[in-house]
PDB file of all heavy atoms in Angstrom:
ATOM      1  N   SER A   1      81.482  43.056 -13.934  1.00  0.00           N
ATOM      2  CA  SER A   1      81.792  44.158 -14.845  1.00  0.00           C
ATOM      3  C   SER A   1      81.980  43.654 -16.270  1.00  0.00           C
ATOM      4  O   SER A   1      81.409  44.205 -17.228  1.00  0.00           O
ATOM      5  CB  SER A   1      83.051  44.881 -14.365  1.00  0.00           C
ATOM      6  OG  SER A   1      82.853  45.421 -13.078  1.00  0.00           O
ATOM      7  N   ILE A   2      82.785  42.601 -16.428  1.00  0.00           N
ATOM      8  CA  ILE A   2      83.025  42.066 -17.776  1.00  0.00           C
ATOM      9  C   ILE A   2      81.740  41.488 -18.356  1.00  0.00           C
ATOM     10  O   ILE A   2      81.409  41.688 -19.529  1.00  0.00           O
ATOM     11  CB  ILE A   2      84.143  41.017 -17.725  1.00  0.00           C
ATOM     12  CG1 ILE A   2      85.452  41.659 -17.219  1.00  0.00           C
ATOM     13  CG2 ILE A   2      84.366  40.394 -19.097  1.00  0.00           C
ATOM     14  CD1 ILE A   2      86.575  40.668 -17.008  1.00  0.00           C
ATOM     15  N   ALA A   3      80.994  40.745 -17.517  1.00  0.00           N
ATOM     16  CA  ALA A   3      79.739  40.168 -17.998  1.00  0.00           C
ATOM     17  C   ALA A   3      78.738  41.258 -18.366  1.00  0.00           C
ATOM     18  O   ALA A   3      77.975  41.118 -19.319  1.00  0.00           O
ATOM     19  CB  ALA A   3      79.154  39.243 -16.938  1.00  0.00           C
ATOM     20  N   LEU A   4      78.763  42.347 -17.612  1.00  0.00           N
ATOM     21  CA  LEU A   4      77.857  43.443 -17.932  1.00  0.00           C
ATOM     22  C   LEU A   4      78.197  44.050 -19.296  1.00  0.00           C
ATOM     23  O   LEU A   4      77.308  44.385 -20.084  1.00  0.00           O
ATOM     24  CB  LEU A   4      77.929  44.513 -16.838  1.00  0.00           C
ATOM     25  CG  LEU A   4      77.048  45.741 -17.037  1.00  0.00           C
ATOM     26  CD1 LEU A   4      75.579  45.335 -17.051  1.00  0.00           C
ATOM     27  CD2 LEU A   4      77.295  46.769 -15.938  1.00  0.00           C
ATOM     28  N   VAL A   5      79.486  44.180 -19.564  1.00  0.00           N
ATOM     29  CA  VAL A   5      79.890  44.700 -20.878  1.00  0.00           C
ATOM     30  C   VAL A   5      79.427  43.757 -21.986  1.00  0.00           C
ATOM     31  O   VAL A   5      78.888  44.185 -23.014  1.00  0.00           O
ATOM     32  CB  VAL A   5      81.418  44.896 -20.919  1.00  0.00           C
ATOM     33  CG1 VAL A   5      81.874  45.260 -22.322  1.00  0.00           C
ATOM     34  CG2 VAL A   5      81.837  45.970 -19.931  1.00  0.00           C
ATOM     35  N   ILE A   6      79.635  42.463 -21.772  1.00  0.00           N
ATOM     36  CA  ILE A   6      79.213  41.482 -22.794  1.00  0.00           C
ATOM     37  C   ILE A   6      77.699  41.517 -22.984  1.00  0.00           C
ATOM     38  O   ILE A   6      77.191  41.559 -24.110  1.00  0.00           O
ATOM     39  CB  ILE A   6      79.685  40.068 -22.388  1.00  0.00           C
ATOM     40  CG1 ILE A   6      81.220  40.007 -22.367  1.00  0.00           C
ATOM     41  CG2 ILE A   6      79.128  39.022 -23.348  1.00  0.00           C
ATOM     42  CD1 ILE A   6      81.767  38.692 -21.851  1.00  0.00           C
ATOM     43  N   GLY A   7      76.961  41.503 -21.858  1.00  0.00           N
ATOM     44  CA  GLY A   7      75.508  41.511 -21.965  1.00  0.00           C
ATOM     45  C   GLY A   7      74.978  42.787 -22.588  1.00  0.00           C
ATOM     46  O   GLY A   7      74.067  42.761 -23.419  1.00  0.00           O
ATOM     47  N   THR A   8      75.583  43.919 -22.204  1.00  0.00           N
ATOM     48  CA  THR A   8      75.133  45.189 -22.781  1.00  0.00           C
ATOM     49  C   THR A   8      75.406  45.243 -24.273  1.00  0.00           C
ATOM     50  O   THR A   8      74.573  45.700 -25.068  1.00  0.00           O
ATOM     51  CB  THR A   8      75.823  46.354 -22.066  1.00  0.00           C
ATOM     52  OG1 THR A   8      75.545  46.286 -20.665  1.00  0.00           O
ATOM     53  CG2 THR A   8      75.335  47.687 -22.603  1.00  0.00           C
ATOM     54  N   THR A   9      76.606  44.769 -24.675  1.00  0.00           N
ATOM     55  CA  THR A   9      76.935  44.766 -26.100  1.00  0.00           C
ATOM     56  C   THR A   9      75.976  43.882 -26.879  1.00  0.00           C
ATOM     57  O   THR A   9      75.472  44.268 -27.957  1.00  0.00           O
ATOM     58  CB  THR A   9      78.375  44.272 -26.288  1.00  0.00           C
ATOM     59  OG1 THR A   9      79.265  45.082 -25.520  1.00  0.00           O
ATOM     60  CG2 THR A   9      78.771  44.346 -27.756  1.00  0.00           C
ATOM     61  N   THR A  10      75.692  42.695 -26.332  1.00  0.00           N
ATOM     62  CA  THR A  10      74.749  41.799 -27.011  1.00  0.00           C
ATOM     63  C   THR A  10      73.371  42.422 -27.113  1.00  0.00           C
ATOM     64  O   THR A  10      72.718  42.378 -28.161  1.00  0.00           O
ATOM     65  CB  THR A  10      74.665  40.468 -26.258  1.00  0.00           C
ATOM     66  OG1 THR A  10      75.978  39.916 -26.128  1.00  0.00           O
ATOM     67  CG2 THR A  10      73.782  39.485 -26.991  1.00  0.00           C
ATOM     68  N   TYR A  11      72.924  43.028 -26.005  1.00  0.00           N
ATOM     69  CA  TYR A  11      71.604  43.650 -26.009  1.00  0.00           C
ATOM     70  C   TYR A  11      71.526  44.796 -27.015  1.00  0.00           C
ATOM     71  O   TYR A  11      70.546  44.920 -27.762  1.00  0.00           O
ATOM     72  CB  TYR A  11      71.290  44.153 -24.605  1.00  0.00           C
ATOM     73  CG  TYR A  11      70.005  44.936 -24.514  1.00  0.00           C
ATOM     74  CD1 TYR A  11      68.772  44.286 -24.519  1.00  0.00           C
ATOM     75  CD2 TYR A  11      70.021  46.322 -24.412  1.00  0.00           C
ATOM     76  CE1 TYR A  11      67.593  45.004 -24.432  1.00  0.00           C
ATOM     77  CE2 TYR A  11      68.841  47.045 -24.339  1.00  0.00           C
ATOM     78  CZ  TYR A  11      67.634  46.375 -24.344  1.00  0.00           C
ATOM     79  OH  TYR A  11      66.469  47.091 -24.270  1.00  0.00           O
ATOM     80  N   LEU A  12      72.573  45.627 -27.061  1.00  0.00           N
ATOM     81  CA  LEU A  12      72.571  46.748 -28.004  1.00  0.00           C
ATOM     82  C   LEU A  12      72.594  46.256 -29.449  1.00  0.00           C
ATOM     83  O   LEU A  12      71.956  46.850 -30.327  1.00  0.00           O
ATOM     84  CB  LEU A  12      73.775  47.660 -27.726  1.00  0.00           C
ATOM     85  CG  LEU A  12      73.735  48.429 -26.407  1.00  0.00           C
ATOM     86  CD1 LEU A  12      75.021  49.229 -26.234  1.00  0.00           C
ATOM     87  CD2 LEU A  12      72.528  49.346 -26.369  1.00  0.00           C
ATOM     88  N   GLN A  13      73.335  45.179 -29.702  1.00  0.00           N
ATOM     89  CA  GLN A  13      73.340  44.632 -31.049  1.00  0.00           C
ATOM     90  C   GLN A  13      71.949  44.172 -31.463  1.00  0.00           C
ATOM     91  O   GLN A  13      71.494  44.437 -32.586  1.00  0.00           O
ATOM     92  CB  GLN A  13      74.336  43.470 -31.130  1.00  0.00           C
ATOM     93  CG  GLN A  13      75.802  43.908 -31.060  1.00  0.00           C
ATOM     94  CD  GLN A  13      76.748  42.729 -31.029  1.00  0.00           C
ATOM     95  OE1 GLN A  13      76.324  41.591 -30.854  1.00  0.00           O
ATOM     96  NE2 GLN A  13      78.039  43.001 -31.183  1.00  0.00           N
ATOM     97  N   PHE A  14      71.259  43.478 -30.564  1.00  0.00           N
ATOM     98  CA  PHE A  14      69.893  43.050 -30.881  1.00  0.00           C
ATOM     99  C   PHE A  14      68.975  44.256 -31.066  1.00  0.00           C
ATOM    100  O   PHE A  14      68.079  44.224 -31.914  1.00  0.00           O
ATOM    101  CB  PHE A  14      69.364  42.135 -29.777  1.00  0.00           C
ATOM    102  CG  PHE A  14      69.786  40.703 -29.946  1.00  0.00           C
ATOM    103  CD1 PHE A  14      70.759  40.150 -29.130  1.00  0.00           C
ATOM    104  CD2 PHE A  14      69.223  39.896 -30.924  1.00  0.00           C
ATOM    105  CE1 PHE A  14      71.155  38.828 -29.270  1.00  0.00           C
ATOM    106  CE2 PHE A  14      69.616  38.577 -31.073  1.00  0.00           C
ATOM    107  CZ  PHE A  14      70.579  38.039 -30.258  1.00  0.00           C
ATOM    108  N   ARG A  15      69.171  45.290 -30.259  1.00  0.00           N
ATOM    109  CA  ARG A  15      68.334  46.468 -30.425  1.00  0.00           C
ATOM    110  C   ARG A  15      68.561  47.139 -31.771  1.00  0.00           C
ATOM    111  O   ARG A  15      67.631  47.618 -32.414  1.00  0.00           O
ATOM    112  CB  ARG A  15      68.607  47.466 -29.292  1.00  0.00           C
ATOM    113  CG  ARG A  15      68.033  47.061 -27.949  1.00  0.00           C
ATOM    114  CD  ARG A  15      66.527  46.872 -28.011  1.00  0.00           C
ATOM    115  NE  ARG A  15      65.858  48.057 -28.451  1.00  0.00           N
ATOM    116  CZ  ARG A  15      65.404  49.011 -27.653  1.00  0.00           C
ATOM    117  NH1 ARG A  15      65.542  48.876 -26.360  1.00  0.00           N
ATOM    118  NH2 ARG A  15      64.779  50.063 -28.132  1.00  0.00           N
ATOM    119  N   VAL A  16      69.848  47.177 -32.200  1.00  0.00           N
ATOM    120  CA  VAL A  16      70.142  47.758 -33.515  1.00  0.00           C
ATOM    121  C   VAL A  16      69.477  46.944 -34.615  1.00  0.00           C
ATOM    122  O   VAL A  16      68.864  47.482 -35.560  1.00  0.00           O
ATOM    123  CB  VAL A  16      71.664  47.847 -33.719  1.00  0.00           C
ATOM    124  CG1 VAL A  16      71.983  48.240 -35.156  1.00  0.00           C
ATOM    125  CG2 VAL A  16      72.275  48.860 -32.763  1.00  0.00           C
ATOM    126  N   VAL A  17      69.593  45.610 -34.508  1.00  0.00           N
ATOM    127  CA  VAL A  17      68.971  44.750 -35.517  1.00  0.00           C
ATOM    128  C   VAL A  17      67.451  44.927 -35.490  1.00  0.00           C
ATOM    129  O   VAL A  17      66.796  45.032 -36.541  1.00  0.00           O
ATOM    130  CB  VAL A  17      69.359  43.275 -35.256  1.00  0.00           C
ATOM    131  CG1 VAL A  17      68.573  42.350 -36.186  1.00  0.00           C
ATOM    132  CG2 VAL A  17      70.855  43.082 -35.470  1.00  0.00           C
ATOM    133  N   GLU A  18      66.888  44.973 -34.290  1.00  0.00           N
ATOM    134  CA  GLU A  18      65.439  45.143 -34.176  1.00  0.00           C
ATOM    135  C   GLU A  18      65.002  46.471 -34.786  1.00  0.00           C
ATOM    136  O   GLU A  18      64.006  46.546 -35.513  1.00  0.00           O
ATOM    137  CB  GLU A  18      65.048  45.094 -32.702  1.00  0.00           C
ATOM    138  CG  GLU A  18      63.564  45.329 -32.467  1.00  0.00           C
ATOM    139  CD  GLU A  18      63.246  45.414 -30.982  1.00  0.00           C
ATOM    140  OE1 GLU A  18      64.144  45.103 -30.180  1.00  0.00           O
ATOM    141  OE2 GLU A  18      62.110  45.785 -30.653  1.00  0.00           O
ATOM    142  N   GLY A  19      65.753  47.568 -34.471  1.00  0.00           N
ATOM    143  CA  GLY A  19      65.395  48.857 -35.033  1.00  0.00           C
ATOM    144  C   GLY A  19      65.510  48.887 -36.549  1.00  0.00           C
ATOM    145  O   GLY A  19      64.677  49.475 -37.246  1.00  0.00           O
ATOM    146  N   THR A  20      66.567  48.223 -37.076  1.00  0.00           N
ATOM    147  CA  THR A  20      66.738  48.187 -38.528  1.00  0.00           C
ATOM    148  C   THR A  20      65.593  47.434 -39.201  1.00  0.00           C
ATOM    149  O   THR A  20      65.023  47.892 -40.212  1.00  0.00           O
ATOM    150  CB  THR A  20      68.078  47.526 -38.871  1.00  0.00           C
ATOM    151  OG1 THR A  20      69.142  48.256 -38.225  1.00  0.00           O
ATOM    152  CG2 THR A  20      68.315  47.533 -40.374  1.00  0.00           C
ATOM    153  N   LEU A  21      65.231  46.275 -38.641  1.00  0.00           N
ATOM    154  CA  LEU A  21      64.132  45.499 -39.222  1.00  0.00           C
ATOM    155  C   LEU A  21      62.805  46.250 -39.101  1.00  0.00           C
ATOM    156  O   LEU A  21      61.988  46.234 -40.025  1.00  0.00           O
ATOM    157  CB  LEU A  21      64.035  44.140 -38.516  1.00  0.00           C
ATOM    158  CG  LEU A  21      65.220  43.192 -38.743  1.00  0.00           C
ATOM    159  CD1 LEU A  21      65.018  41.914 -37.955  1.00  0.00           C
ATOM    160  CD2 LEU A  21      65.386  42.876 -40.223  1.00  0.00           C
ATOM    161  N   ASP A  22      62.608  46.904 -37.963  1.00  0.00           N
ATOM    162  CA  ASP A  22      61.384  47.684 -37.800  1.00  0.00           C
ATOM    163  C   ASP A  22      61.291  48.789 -38.844  1.00  0.00           C
ATOM    164  O   ASP A  22      60.243  49.001 -39.476  1.00  0.00           O
ATOM    165  CB  ASP A  22      61.350  48.275 -36.388  1.00  0.00           C
ATOM    166  CG  ASP A  22      60.041  48.976 -36.094  1.00  0.00           C
ATOM    167  OD1 ASP A  22      59.862  50.102 -36.584  1.00  0.00           O
ATOM    168  OD2 ASP A  22      59.192  48.395 -35.381  1.00  0.00           O
ATOM    169  N   THR A  23      62.414  49.495 -39.054  1.00  0.00           N
ATOM    170  CA  THR A  23      62.425  50.567 -40.056  1.00  0.00           C
ATOM    171  C   THR A  23      62.199  50.016 -41.457  1.00  0.00           C
ATOM    172  O   THR A  23      61.463  50.609 -42.276  1.00  0.00           O
ATOM    173  CB  THR A  23      63.768  51.314 -39.995  1.00  0.00           C
ATOM    174  OG1 THR A  23      63.954  51.821 -38.665  1.00  0.00           O
ATOM    175  CG2 THR A  23      63.782  52.475 -40.967  1.00  0.00           C
ATOM    176  N   GLU A  24      62.806  48.860 -41.757  1.00  0.00           N
ATOM    177  CA  GLU A  24      62.636  48.282 -43.087  1.00  0.00           C
ATOM    178  C   GLU A  24      61.188  47.861 -43.317  1.00  0.00           C
ATOM    179  O   GLU A  24      60.634  48.070 -44.411  1.00  0.00           O
ATOM    180  CB  GLU A  24      63.573  47.084 -43.247  1.00  0.00           C
ATOM    181  CG  GLU A  24      65.050  47.476 -43.337  1.00  0.00           C
ATOM    182  CD  GLU A  24      65.954  46.266 -43.477  1.00  0.00           C
ATOM    183  OE1 GLU A  24      65.425  45.140 -43.402  1.00  0.00           O
ATOM    184  OE2 GLU A  24      67.172  46.456 -43.658  1.00  0.00           O
ATOM    185  N   LEU A  25      60.542  47.277 -42.303  1.00  0.00           N
ATOM    186  CA  LEU A  25      59.138  46.889 -42.459  1.00  0.00           C
ATOM    187  C   LEU A  25      58.243  48.116 -42.653  1.00  0.00           C
ATOM    188  O   LEU A  25      57.339  48.124 -43.487  1.00  0.00           O
ATOM    189  CB  LEU A  25      58.685  46.097 -41.235  1.00  0.00           C
ATOM    190  CG  LEU A  25      59.231  44.668 -41.109  1.00  0.00           C
ATOM    191  CD1 LEU A  25      58.777  44.045 -39.801  1.00  0.00           C
ATOM    192  CD2 LEU A  25      58.772  43.811 -42.280  1.00  0.00           C
ATOM    193  N   VAL A  26      58.516  49.161 -41.871  1.00  0.00           N
ATOM    194  CA  VAL A  26      57.717  50.383 -42.009  1.00  0.00           C
ATOM    195  C   VAL A  26      57.915  51.003 -43.387  1.00  0.00           C
ATOM    196  O   VAL A  26      56.960  51.419 -44.057  1.00  0.00           O
ATOM    197  CB  VAL A  26      58.091  51.377 -40.890  1.00  0.00           C
ATOM    198  CG1 VAL A  26      57.452  52.732 -41.147  1.00  0.00           C
ATOM    199  CG2 VAL A  26      57.638  50.835 -39.542  1.00  0.00           C
ATOM    200  N   ASP A  27      59.182  51.043 -43.843  1.00  0.00           N
ATOM    201  CA  ASP A  27      59.453  51.611 -45.168  1.00  0.00           C
ATOM    202  C   ASP A  27      58.822  50.761 -46.260  1.00  0.00           C
ATOM    203  O   ASP A  27      58.283  51.291 -47.253  1.00  0.00           O
ATOM    204  CB  ASP A  27      60.964  51.716 -45.399  1.00  0.00           C
ATOM    205  CG  ASP A  27      61.589  52.784 -44.512  1.00  0.00           C
ATOM    206  OD1 ASP A  27      60.837  53.639 -44.008  1.00  0.00           O
ATOM    207  OD2 ASP A  27      62.820  52.759 -44.317  1.00  0.00           O
ATOM    208  N   ALA A  28      58.878  49.439 -46.113  1.00  0.00           N
ATOM    209  CA  ALA A  28      58.278  48.570 -47.126  1.00  0.00           C
ATOM    210  C   ALA A  28      56.779  48.796 -47.216  1.00  0.00           C
ATOM    211  O   ALA A  28      56.203  48.872 -48.307  1.00  0.00           O
ATOM    212  CB  ALA A  28      58.578  47.108 -46.805  1.00  0.00           C
ATOM    213  N   ALA A  29      56.125  48.924 -46.042  1.00  0.00           N
ATOM    214  CA  ALA A  29      54.688  49.172 -46.045  1.00  0.00           C
ATOM    215  C   ALA A  29      54.361  50.518 -46.680  1.00  0.00           C
ATOM    216  O   ALA A  29      53.431  50.647 -47.480  1.00  0.00           O
ATOM    217  CB  ALA A  29      54.150  49.114 -44.616  1.00  0.00           C
ATOM    218  N   ARG A  30      55.139  51.544 -46.338  1.00  0.00           N
ATOM    219  CA  ARG A  30      54.857  52.874 -46.872  1.00  0.00           C
ATOM    220  C   ARG A  30      55.096  52.923 -48.381  1.00  0.00           C
ATOM    221  O   ARG A  30      54.270  53.456 -49.148  1.00  0.00           O
ATOM    222  CB  ARG A  30      55.738  53.902 -46.153  1.00  0.00           C
ATOM    223  CG  ARG A  30      55.532  55.335 -46.609  1.00  0.00           C
ATOM    224  CD  ARG A  30      56.336  56.275 -45.748  1.00  0.00           C
ATOM    225  NE  ARG A  30      57.758  55.931 -45.763  1.00  0.00           N
ATOM    226  CZ  ARG A  30      58.605  56.334 -46.709  1.00  0.00           C
ATOM    227  NH1 ARG A  30      58.183  57.087 -47.706  1.00  0.00           N
ATOM    228  NH2 ARG A  30      59.881  55.988 -46.638  1.00  0.00           N
ATOM    229  N   LEU A  31      56.232  52.355 -48.846  1.00  0.00           N
ATOM    230  CA  LEU A  31      56.541  52.397 -50.279  1.00  0.00           C
ATOM    231  C   LEU A  31      55.531  51.577 -51.077  1.00  0.00           C
ATOM    232  O   LEU A  31      55.108  51.978 -52.162  1.00  0.00           O
ATOM    233  CB  LEU A  31      57.964  51.888 -50.506  1.00  0.00           C
ATOM    234  CG  LEU A  31      59.087  52.758 -49.921  1.00  0.00           C
ATOM    235  CD1 LEU A  31      60.444  52.099 -50.137  1.00  0.00           C
ATOM    236  CD2 LEU A  31      59.067  54.140 -50.554  1.00  0.00           C
ATOM    237  N   THR A  32      55.127  50.416 -50.514  1.00  0.00           N
ATOM    238  CA  THR A  32      54.139  49.599 -51.222  1.00  0.00           C
ATOM    239  C   THR A  32      52.802  50.331 -51.312  1.00  0.00           C
ATOM    240  O   THR A  32      52.146  50.330 -52.363  1.00  0.00           O
ATOM    241  CB  THR A  32      53.963  48.258 -50.504  1.00  0.00           C
ATOM    242  OG1 THR A  32      55.228  47.580 -50.457  1.00  0.00           O
ATOM    243  CG2 THR A  32      52.962  47.384 -51.221  1.00  0.00           C
ATOM    244  N   ALA A  33      52.386  50.946 -50.212  1.00  0.00           N
ATOM    245  CA  ALA A  33      51.127  51.677 -50.223  1.00  0.00           C
ATOM    246  C   ALA A  33      51.164  52.833 -51.219  1.00  0.00           C
ATOM    247  O   ALA A  33      50.203  53.069 -51.962  1.00  0.00           O
ATOM    248  CB  ALA A  33      50.810  52.197 -48.820  1.00  0.00           C
ATOM    249  N   LEU A  34      52.272  53.545 -51.278  1.00  0.00           N
ATOM    250  CA  LEU A  34      52.391  54.650 -52.231  1.00  0.00           C
ATOM    251  C   LEU A  34      52.404  54.147 -53.664  1.00  0.00           C
ATOM    252  O   LEU A  34      51.792  54.758 -54.561  1.00  0.00           O
ATOM    253  CB  LEU A  34      53.671  55.451 -51.935  1.00  0.00           C
ATOM    254  CG  LEU A  34      53.673  56.239 -50.626  1.00  0.00           C
ATOM    255  CD1 LEU A  34      55.043  56.868 -50.386  1.00  0.00           C
ATOM    256  CD2 LEU A  34      52.600  57.322 -50.656  1.00  0.00           C
ATOM    257  N   ALA A  35      53.081  53.003 -53.892  1.00  0.00           N
ATOM    258  CA  ALA A  35      53.127  52.454 -55.249  1.00  0.00           C
ATOM    259  C   ALA A  35      51.734  52.007 -55.708  1.00  0.00           C
ATOM    260  O   ALA A  35      51.313  52.290 -56.836  1.00  0.00           O
ATOM    261  CB  ALA A  35      54.102  51.278 -55.308  1.00  0.00           C
ATOM    262  N   VAL A  36      51.001  51.319 -54.814  1.00  0.00           N
ATOM    263  CA  VAL A  36      49.634  50.893 -55.171  1.00  0.00           C
ATOM    264  C   VAL A  36      48.743  52.108 -55.391  1.00  0.00           C
ATOM    265  O   VAL A  36      47.936  52.149 -56.323  1.00  0.00           O
ATOM    266  CB  VAL A  36      49.072  49.989 -54.058  1.00  0.00           C
ATOM    267  CG1 VAL A  36      47.608  49.663 -54.328  1.00  0.00           C
ATOM    268  CG2 VAL A  36      49.875  48.714 -53.960  1.00  0.00           C
ATOM    269  N   ALA A  37      48.881  53.128 -54.530  1.00  0.00           N
ATOM    270  CA  ALA A  37      48.069  54.327 -54.689  1.00  0.00           C
ATOM    271  C   ALA A  37      48.359  55.018 -56.013  1.00  0.00           C
ATOM    272  O   ALA A  37      47.438  55.445 -56.727  1.00  0.00           O
ATOM    273  CB  ALA A  37      48.319  55.281 -53.514  1.00  0.00           C
ATOM    274  N   ASP A  38      49.637  55.146 -56.374  1.00  0.00           N
ATOM    275  CA  ASP A  38      49.978  55.774 -57.661  1.00  0.00           C
ATOM    276  C   ASP A  38      49.398  54.986 -58.824  1.00  0.00           C
ATOM    277  O   ASP A  38      48.876  55.573 -59.800  1.00  0.00           O
ATOM    278  CB  ASP A  38      51.500  55.866 -57.789  1.00  0.00           C
ATOM    279  CG  ASP A  38      52.080  56.864 -56.803  1.00  0.00           C
ATOM    280  OD1 ASP A  38      51.316  57.722 -56.317  1.00  0.00           O
ATOM    281  OD2 ASP A  38      53.292  56.779 -56.515  1.00  0.00           O
TER     282      ASP A  38
END
């Protein structure tokens, strides 16, 4: 039970970081493309 809590917390933290980086890369690509297009 305790190990599951630790593992789940670690996994969720990595998922949050992964989602944040994914969003930042997508936003960077979109903003750069719009800036070049303008």
